[in-house]
PDB file of N, CA and C in Angstrom:
ATOM      1  N   UNK A   1       0.889  -0.629   0.244  1.00  0.00           N
ATOM      2  CA  UNK A   1      -0.211  -0.025   0.211  1.00  0.00           C
ATOM      3  C   UNK A   1       0.767   1.731   0.220  1.00  0.00           C
ATOM      4  N   UNK A   2       1.822   0.961   0.780  1.00  0.00           N
ATOM      5  CA  UNK A   2       2.505   2.132   0.863  1.00  0.00           C
ATOM      6  C   UNK A   2       3.973   2.111   0.256  1.00  0.00           C
ATOM      7  N   UNK A   3       3.714   1.638  -1.164  1.00  0.00           N
ATOM      8  CA  UNK A   3       5.640   1.801  -2.564  1.00  0.00           C
ATOM      9  C   UNK A   3       4.018   2.234  -2.864  1.00  0.00           C
ATOM     10  N   UNK A   4       2.482   1.683  -3.318  1.00  0.00           N
ATOM     11  CA  UNK A   4       0.922   2.240  -3.762  1.00  0.00           C
ATOM     12  C   UNK A   4       1.294   3.906  -3.882  1.00  0.00           C
ATOM     13  N   UNK A   5       1.408   4.050  -2.340  1.00  0.00           N
ATOM     14  CA  UNK A   5       1.395   5.764  -2.735  1.00  0.00           C
ATOM     15  C   UNK A   5       2.859   6.810  -3.161  1.00  0.00           C
ATOM     16  N   UNK A   6       3.518   6.027  -3.250  1.00  0.00           N
ATOM     17  CA  UNK A   6       5.099   6.466  -3.399  1.00  0.00           C
ATOM     18  C   UNK A   6       4.656   6.750  -4.748  1.00  0.00           C
ATOM     19  N   UNK A   7       4.450   5.522  -5.152  1.00  0.00           N
ATOM     20  CA  UNK A   7       4.076   6.416  -6.682  1.00  0.00           C
ATOM     21  C   UNK A   7       3.946   6.641  -8.108  1.00  0.00           C
ATOM     22  N   UNK A   8       1.982   6.935  -7.005  1.00  0.00           N
ATOM     23  CA  UNK A   8       1.013   7.576  -7.420  1.00  0.00           C
ATOM     24  C   UNK A   8       1.812   9.356  -7.851  1.00  0.00           C
ATOM     25  N   UNK A   9       2.536   8.995  -5.955  1.00  0.00           N
ATOM     26  CA  UNK A   9       2.949  10.579  -5.348  1.00  0.00           C
ATOM     27  C   UNK A   9       4.189  10.720  -6.645  1.00  0.00           C
ATOM     28  N   UNK A  10       4.943  10.280  -7.288  1.00  0.00           N
ATOM     29  CA  UNK A  10       5.865  10.374  -7.997  1.00  0.00           C
ATOM     30  C   UNK A  10       5.719  11.119  -9.357  1.00  0.00           C
ATOM     31  N   UNK A  11       4.063  10.032  -9.753  1.00  0.00           N
ATOM     32  CA  UNK A  11       3.538  10.144 -10.935  1.00  0.00           C
ATOM     33  C   UNK A  11       2.995  11.761 -10.528  1.00  0.00           C
ATOM     34  N   UNK A  12       2.290  12.305  -9.462  1.00  0.00           N
ATOM     35  CA  UNK A  12       1.737  13.238  -9.372  1.00  0.00           C
ATOM     36  C   UNK A  12       2.988  14.618  -9.365  1.00  0.00           C
ATOM     37  N   UNK A  13       4.805  14.799  -9.212  1.00  0.00           N
ATOM     38  CA  UNK A  13       5.076  15.057  -9.043  1.00  0.00           C
ATOM     39  C   UNK A  13       5.491  15.601 -10.213  1.00  0.00           C
ATOM     40  N   UNK A  14       5.740  13.716 -11.727  1.00  0.00           N
ATOM     41  CA  UNK A  14       6.497  14.389 -12.821  1.00  0.00           C
ATOM     42  C   UNK A  14       4.880  14.358 -13.518  1.00  0.00           C
ATOM     43  N   UNK A  15       3.903  14.832 -13.015  1.00  0.00           N
ATOM     44  CA  UNK A  15       2.735  15.431 -14.176  1.00  0.00           C
ATOM     45  C   UNK A  15       3.357  16.833 -14.251  1.00  0.00           C
ATOM     46  N   UNK A  16       2.856  17.183 -12.263  1.00  0.00           N
ATOM     47  CA  UNK A  16       3.547  17.726 -12.440  1.00  0.00           C
ATOM     48  C   UNK A  16       4.180  19.689 -13.165  1.00  0.00           C
ATOM     49  N   UNK A  17       5.661  18.278 -13.230  1.00  0.00           N
ATOM     50  CA  UNK A  17       6.796  19.578 -13.779  1.00  0.00           C
ATOM     51  C   UNK A  17       6.886  19.786 -15.314  1.00  0.00           C
ATOM     52  N   UNK A  18       6.379  17.997 -15.796  1.00  0.00           N
ATOM     53  CA  UNK A  18       6.611  18.424 -17.604  1.00  0.00           C
ATOM     54  C   UNK A  18       4.042  19.938 -17.400  1.00  0.00           C
ATOM     55  N   UNK A  19       3.483  19.446 -16.908  1.00  0.00           N
ATOM     56  CA  UNK A  19       2.824  21.060 -16.886  1.00  0.00           C
ATOM     57  C   UNK A  19       3.548  21.649 -16.189  1.00  0.00           C
ATOM     58  N   UNK A  20       3.691  22.221 -15.964  1.00  0.00           N
ATOM     59  CA  UNK A  20       4.893  23.595 -15.391  1.00  0.00           C
ATOM     60  C   UNK A  20       5.344  24.463 -16.517  1.00  0.00           C
ATOM     61  N   UNK A  21       6.666  23.444 -17.096  1.00  0.00           N
ATOM     62  CA  UNK A  21       7.083  23.738 -18.446  1.00  0.00           C
ATOM     63  C   UNK A  21       6.420  23.720 -20.420  1.00  0.00           C
ATOM     64  N   UNK A  22       5.376  22.429 -19.756  1.00  0.00           N
ATOM     65  CA  UNK A  22       4.329  23.191 -21.027  1.00  0.00           C
ATOM     66  C   UNK A  22       4.237  24.598 -21.017  1.00  0.00           C
ATOM     67  N   UNK A  23       3.198  24.475 -20.200  1.00  0.00           N
ATOM     68  CA  UNK A  23       2.924  26.675 -19.782  1.00  0.00           C
ATOM     69  C   UNK A  23       3.913  27.265 -20.070  1.00  0.00           C
ATOM     70  N   UNK A  24       5.248  27.322 -18.864  1.00  0.00           N
ATOM     71  CA  UNK A  24       6.293  28.358 -19.510  1.00  0.00           C
ATOM     72  C   UNK A  24       6.421  28.389 -20.857  1.00  0.00           C
ATOM     73  N   UNK A  25       6.918  27.390 -21.731  1.00  0.00           N
ATOM     74  CA  UNK A  25       6.684  27.202 -23.098  1.00  0.00           C
ATOM     75  C   UNK A  25       5.028  27.564 -24.326  1.00  0.00           C
ATOM     76  N   UNK A  26       5.296  27.634 -23.756  1.00  0.00           N
ATOM     77  CA  UNK A  26       3.334  28.395 -24.588  1.00  0.00           C
ATOM     78  C   UNK A  26       2.930  29.708 -24.397  1.00  0.00           C
ATOM     79  N   UNK A  27       3.407  29.926 -22.978  1.00  0.00           N
ATOM     80  CA  UNK A  27       3.464  31.280 -22.428  1.00  0.00           C
ATOM     81  C   UNK A  27       4.652  32.201 -23.000  1.00  0.00           C
ATOM     82  N   UNK A  28       5.449  31.734 -23.499  1.00  0.00           N
ATOM     83  CA  UNK A  28       7.230  31.863 -24.191  1.00  0.00           C
ATOM     84  C   UNK A  28       7.240  32.004 -24.863  1.00  0.00           C
ATOM     85  N   UNK A  29       6.109  31.317 -25.963  1.00  0.00           N
ATOM     86  CA  UNK A  29       6.060  31.126 -27.398  1.00  0.00           C
ATOM     87  C   UNK A  29       4.996  32.531 -27.364  1.00  0.00           C
ATOM     88  N   UNK A  30       3.989  32.764 -26.581  1.00  0.00           N
ATOM     89  CA  UNK A  30       2.949  34.353 -27.837  1.00  0.00           C
ATOM     90  C   UNK A  30       3.728  35.013 -27.005  1.00  0.00           C
ATOM     91  N   UNK A  31       4.313  34.926 -25.996  1.00  0.00           N
ATOM     92  CA  UNK A  31       5.305  36.389 -25.528  1.00  0.00           C
ATOM     93  C   UNK A  31       5.801  36.794 -26.639  1.00  0.00           C
ATOM     94  N   UNK A  32       6.536  35.561 -27.119  1.00  0.00           N
ATOM     95  CA  UNK A  32       7.737  35.892 -28.221  1.00  0.00           C
ATOM     96  C   UNK A  32       7.431  36.715 -29.861  1.00  0.00           C
ATOM     97  N   UNK A  33       6.075  35.721 -30.514  1.00  0.00           N
ATOM     98  CA  UNK A  33       4.376  36.495 -31.223  1.00  0.00           C
ATOM     99  C   UNK A  33       4.601  37.007 -31.222  1.00  0.00           C
ATOM    100  N   UNK A  34       3.863  38.136 -29.761  1.00  0.00           N
ATOM    101  CA  UNK A  34       3.360  38.989 -30.124  1.00  0.00           C
ATOM    102  C   UNK A  34       4.607  39.958 -29.195  1.00  0.00           C
ATOM    103  N   UNK A  35       5.513  40.121 -29.388  1.00  0.00           N
ATOM    104  CA  UNK A  35       6.833  40.892 -29.648  1.00  0.00           C
ATOM    105  C   UNK A  35       6.921  40.773 -30.918  1.00  0.00           C
ATOM    106  N   UNK A  36       7.975  40.350 -31.807  1.00  0.00           N
ATOM    107  CA  UNK A  36       7.286  40.518 -33.696  1.00  0.00           C
ATOM    108  C   UNK A  36       6.071  40.831 -34.068  1.00  0.00           C
ATOM    109  N   UNK A  37       4.998  40.558 -33.833  1.00  0.00           N
ATOM    110  CA  UNK A  37       4.216  41.116 -34.122  1.00  0.00           C
ATOM    111  C   UNK A  37       3.854  42.441 -35.201  1.00  0.00           C
ATOM    112  N   UNK A  38       4.308  43.398 -34.300  1.00  0.00           N
ATOM    113  CA  UNK A  38       4.763  44.573 -34.473  1.00  0.00           C
ATOM    114  C   UNK A  38       5.521  45.653 -34.700  1.00  0.00           C
ATOM    115  N   UNK A  39       6.413  44.676 -34.943  1.00  0.00           N
ATOM    116  CA  UNK A  39       7.356  44.306 -35.787  1.00  0.00           C
ATOM    117  C   UNK A  39       7.646  44.409 -37.567  1.00  0.00           C
ATOM    118  N   UNK A  40       8.061  46.036 -37.623  1.00  0.00           N
ATOM    119  CA  UNK A  40       7.206  46.356 -38.764  1.00  0.00           C
ATOM    120  C   UNK A  40       8.553  45.847 -40.206  1.00  0.00           C
ATOM    121  N   UNK A  41       8.667  45.215 -40.710  1.00  0.00           N
ATOM    122  CA  UNK A  41       9.728  45.062 -41.468  1.00  0.00           C
ATOM    123  C   UNK A  41      10.039  45.590 -42.879  1.00  0.00           C
ATOM    124  N   UNK A  42       9.945  46.482 -43.135  1.00  0.00           N
ATOM    125  CA  UNK A  42       9.491  47.175 -44.068  1.00  0.00           C
ATOM    126  C   UNK A  42       9.364  48.385 -44.329  1.00  0.00           C
ATOM    127  N   UNK A  43      11.249  48.818 -42.918  1.00  0.00           N
ATOM    128  CA  UNK A  43      10.719  50.939 -43.958  1.00  0.00           C
ATOM    129  C   UNK A  43      11.555  50.982 -45.067  1.00  0.00           C
ATOM    130  N   UNK A  44      11.567  52.240 -44.914  1.00  0.00           N
ATOM    131  CA  UNK A  44      12.038  52.785 -46.431  1.00  0.00           C
ATOM    132  C   UNK A  44      14.231  53.158 -46.394  1.00  0.00           C
ATOM    133  N   UNK A  45      14.899  52.381 -46.731  1.00  0.00           N
ATOM    134  CA  UNK A  45      16.672  52.291 -46.442  1.00  0.00           C
ATOM    135  C   UNK A  45      16.351  53.269 -46.315  1.00  0.00           C
ATOM    136  N   UNK A  46      17.315  53.474 -45.075  1.00  0.00           N
ATOM    137  CA  UNK A  46      18.526  55.087 -45.497  1.00  0.00           C
ATOM    138  C   UNK A  46      19.664  54.370 -45.645  1.00  0.00           C
ATOM    139  N   UNK A  47      20.851  55.630 -46.148  1.00  0.00           N
ATOM    140  CA  UNK A  47      22.160  55.252 -46.044  1.00  0.00           C
ATOM    141  C   UNK A  47      21.943  55.200 -48.415  1.00  0.00           C
ATOM    142  N   UNK A  48      22.946  53.946 -48.264  1.00  0.00           N
ATOM    143  CA  UNK A  48      23.598  54.275 -50.062  1.00  0.00           C
ATOM    144  C   UNK A  48      23.075  53.344 -50.406  1.00  0.00           C
ATOM    145  N   UNK A  49      21.664  52.626 -50.234  1.00  0.00           N
ATOM    146  CA  UNK A  49      20.578  52.045 -50.895  1.00  0.00           C
ATOM    147  C   UNK A  49      20.386  52.588 -52.397  1.00  0.00           C
ATOM    148  N   UNK A  50      20.193  51.512 -53.148  1.00  0.00           N
ATOM    149  CA  UNK A  50      20.156  51.390 -54.614  1.00  0.00           C
ATOM    150  C   UNK A  50      18.898  51.074 -55.285  1.00  0.00           C
ATOM    151  N   UNK A  51      18.207  51.232 -56.058  1.00  0.00           N
ATOM    152  CA  UNK A  51      17.751  50.700 -56.895  1.00  0.00           C
ATOM    153  C   UNK A  51      17.532  49.781 -56.909  1.00  0.00           C
ATOM    154  N   UNK A  52      17.549  48.662 -57.297  1.00  0.00           N
ATOM    155  CA  UNK A  52      17.588  47.103 -57.804  1.00  0.00           C
ATOM    156  C   UNK A  52      16.880  47.057 -59.076  1.00  0.00           C
ATOM    157  N   UNK A  53      15.951  47.389 -59.771  1.00  0.00           N
ATOM    158  CA  UNK A  53      15.558  47.325 -60.741  1.00  0.00           C
ATOM    159  C   UNK A  53      14.698  48.436 -62.156  1.00  0.00           C
ATOM    160  N   UNK A  54      14.970  48.312 -63.378  1.00  0.00           N
ATOM    161  CA  UNK A  54      14.517  48.752 -64.227  1.00  0.00           C
ATOM    162  C   UNK A  54      13.472  49.140 -64.973  1.00  0.00           C
ATOM    163  N   UNK A  55      12.929  51.024 -64.688  1.00  0.00           N
ATOM    164  CA  UNK A  55      11.612  50.749 -65.862  1.00  0.00           C
ATOM    165  C   UNK A  55      12.218  50.760 -67.079  1.00  0.00           C
ATOM    166  N   UNK A  56      11.525  50.621 -67.641  1.00  0.00           N
ATOM    167  CA  UNK A  56      12.876  50.833 -69.107  1.00  0.00           C
ATOM    168  C   UNK A  56      11.620  50.758 -69.765  1.00  0.00           C
ATOM    169  N   UNK A  57      11.272  51.855 -71.530  1.00  0.00           N
ATOM    170  CA  UNK A  57       9.850  51.866 -72.399  1.00  0.00           C
ATOM    171  C   UNK A  57      10.805  50.274 -72.707  1.00  0.00           C
ATOM    172  N   UNK A  58      11.669  49.915 -73.480  1.00  0.00           N
ATOM    173  CA  UNK A  58      11.565  49.080 -74.021  1.00  0.00           C
ATOM    174  C   UNK A  58      11.431  47.391 -73.514  1.00  0.00           C
ATOM    175  N   UNK A  59      11.322  47.764 -71.568  1.00  0.00           N
ATOM    176  CA  UNK A  59      10.672  46.140 -71.460  1.00  0.00           C
ATOM    177  C   UNK A  59       8.871  45.733 -71.261  1.00  0.00           C
ATOM    178  N   UNK A  60       8.570  47.557 -71.254  1.00  0.00           N
ATOM    179  CA  UNK A  60       6.952  47.363 -71.292  1.00  0.00           C
ATOM    180  C   UNK A  60       6.481  47.090 -72.593  1.00  0.00           C
ATOM    181  N   UNK A  61       7.055  47.670 -73.576  1.00  0.00           N
ATOM    182  CA  UNK A  61       6.386  47.698 -74.864  1.00  0.00           C
ATOM    183  C   UNK A  61       6.603  45.997 -76.083  1.00  0.00           C
ATOM    184  N   UNK A  62       6.190  45.847 -76.294  1.00  0.00           N
ATOM    185  CA  UNK A  62       5.944  44.609 -76.611  1.00  0.00           C
ATOM    186  C   UNK A  62       7.238  44.347 -77.140  1.00  0.00           C
ATOM    187  N   UNK A  63       8.001  43.144 -76.215  1.00  0.00           N
ATOM    188  CA  UNK A  63       9.449  42.872 -76.418  1.00  0.00           C
ATOM    189  C   UNK A  63       9.543  41.268 -77.500  1.00  0.00           C
ATOM    190  N   UNK A  64      10.790  41.771 -78.241  1.00  0.00           N
ATOM    191  CA  UNK A  64      10.464  40.978 -79.192  1.00  0.00           C
ATOM    192  C   UNK A  64      11.425  39.883 -78.742  1.00  0.00           C
ATOM    193  N   UNK A  65      11.327  38.650 -79.421  1.00  0.00           N
ATOM    194  CA  UNK A  65      11.444  36.988 -79.480  1.00  0.00           C
ATOM    195  C   UNK A  65      13.276  37.817 -78.783  1.00  0.00           C
ATOM    196  N   UNK A  66      14.521  38.212 -78.885  1.00  0.00           N
ATOM    197  CA  UNK A  66      15.528  38.336 -78.546  1.00  0.00           C
ATOM    198  C   UNK A  66      15.773  39.031 -77.357  1.00  0.00           C
ATOM    199  N   UNK A  67      14.946  39.403 -77.021  1.00  0.00           N
ATOM    200  CA  UNK A  67      14.817  40.628 -76.605  1.00  0.00           C
ATOM    201  C   UNK A  67      14.420  39.169 -74.493  1.00  0.00           C
ATOM    202  N   UNK A  68      13.102  38.529 -75.512  1.00  0.00           N
ATOM    203  CA  UNK A  68      12.466  37.638 -74.246  1.00  0.00           C
ATOM    204  C   UNK A  68      13.452  36.334 -74.125  1.00  0.00           C
ATOM    205  N   UNK A  69      14.223  36.559 -75.230  1.00  0.00           N
ATOM    206  CA  UNK A  69      15.339  35.248 -75.221  1.00  0.00           C
ATOM    207  C   UNK A  69      16.550  35.022 -74.304  1.00  0.00           C
ATOM    208  N   UNK A  70      16.994  36.790 -74.278  1.00  0.00           N
ATOM    209  CA  UNK A  70      18.516  36.884 -73.632  1.00  0.00           C
ATOM    210  C   UNK A  70      17.568  36.922 -72.421  1.00  0.00           C
ATOM    211  N   UNK A  71      16.368  37.771 -72.150  1.00  0.00           N
ATOM    212  CA  UNK A  71      16.593  37.586 -70.859  1.00  0.00           C
ATOM    213  C   UNK A  71      15.674  35.803 -70.224  1.00  0.00           C
ATOM    214  N   UNK A  72      15.315  35.017 -70.820  1.00  0.00           N
ATOM    215  CA  UNK A  72      15.349  33.772 -70.522  1.00  0.00           C
ATOM    216  C   UNK A  72      16.666  33.521 -70.018  1.00  0.00           C
ATOM    217  N   UNK A  73      17.476  33.375 -70.467  1.00  0.00           N
ATOM    218  CA  UNK A  73      19.384  32.629 -70.571  1.00  0.00           C
ATOM    219  C   UNK A  73      19.178  33.552 -69.322  1.00  0.00           C
ATOM    220  N   UNK A  74      18.650  35.475 -69.821  1.00  0.00           N
ATOM    221  CA  UNK A  74      19.225  36.021 -68.850  1.00  0.00           C
ATOM    222  C   UNK A  74      19.596  35.092 -66.763  1.00  0.00           C
ATOM    223  N   UNK A  75      17.425  34.892 -66.914  1.00  0.00           N
ATOM    224  CA  UNK A  75      16.792  34.360 -65.569  1.00  0.00           C
ATOM    225  C   UNK A  75      17.601  33.097 -64.833  1.00  0.00           C
ATOM    226  N   UNK A  76      18.342  32.264 -66.249  1.00  0.00           N
ATOM    227  CA  UNK A  76      17.759  31.417 -65.565  1.00  0.00           C
ATOM    228  C   UNK A  76      16.601  30.943 -65.515  1.00  0.00           C
ATOM    229  N   UNK A  77      15.529  30.895 -66.191  1.00  0.00           N
ATOM    230  CA  UNK A  77      14.491  29.584 -66.127  1.00  0.00           C
ATOM    231  C   UNK A  77      13.744  29.772 -67.553  1.00  0.00           C
TER     232      UNK A  77
END
């Protein structure tokens, strides 16, 4: 009878530790998620940032087959 009670007590301790760690992890993840939810990643660049795309009139008009083929080889698609 006494061994059964000790076994039950040990099981209860392990369950309590597991539940405590699970709750700690859950609320930690919620805290990190809430912290980064308001983080705005798309600020305008500062300093010596340059634009990497071009808007040339030739690309917007009806491109020739050579232009399309050159773009195909350039991008590797």
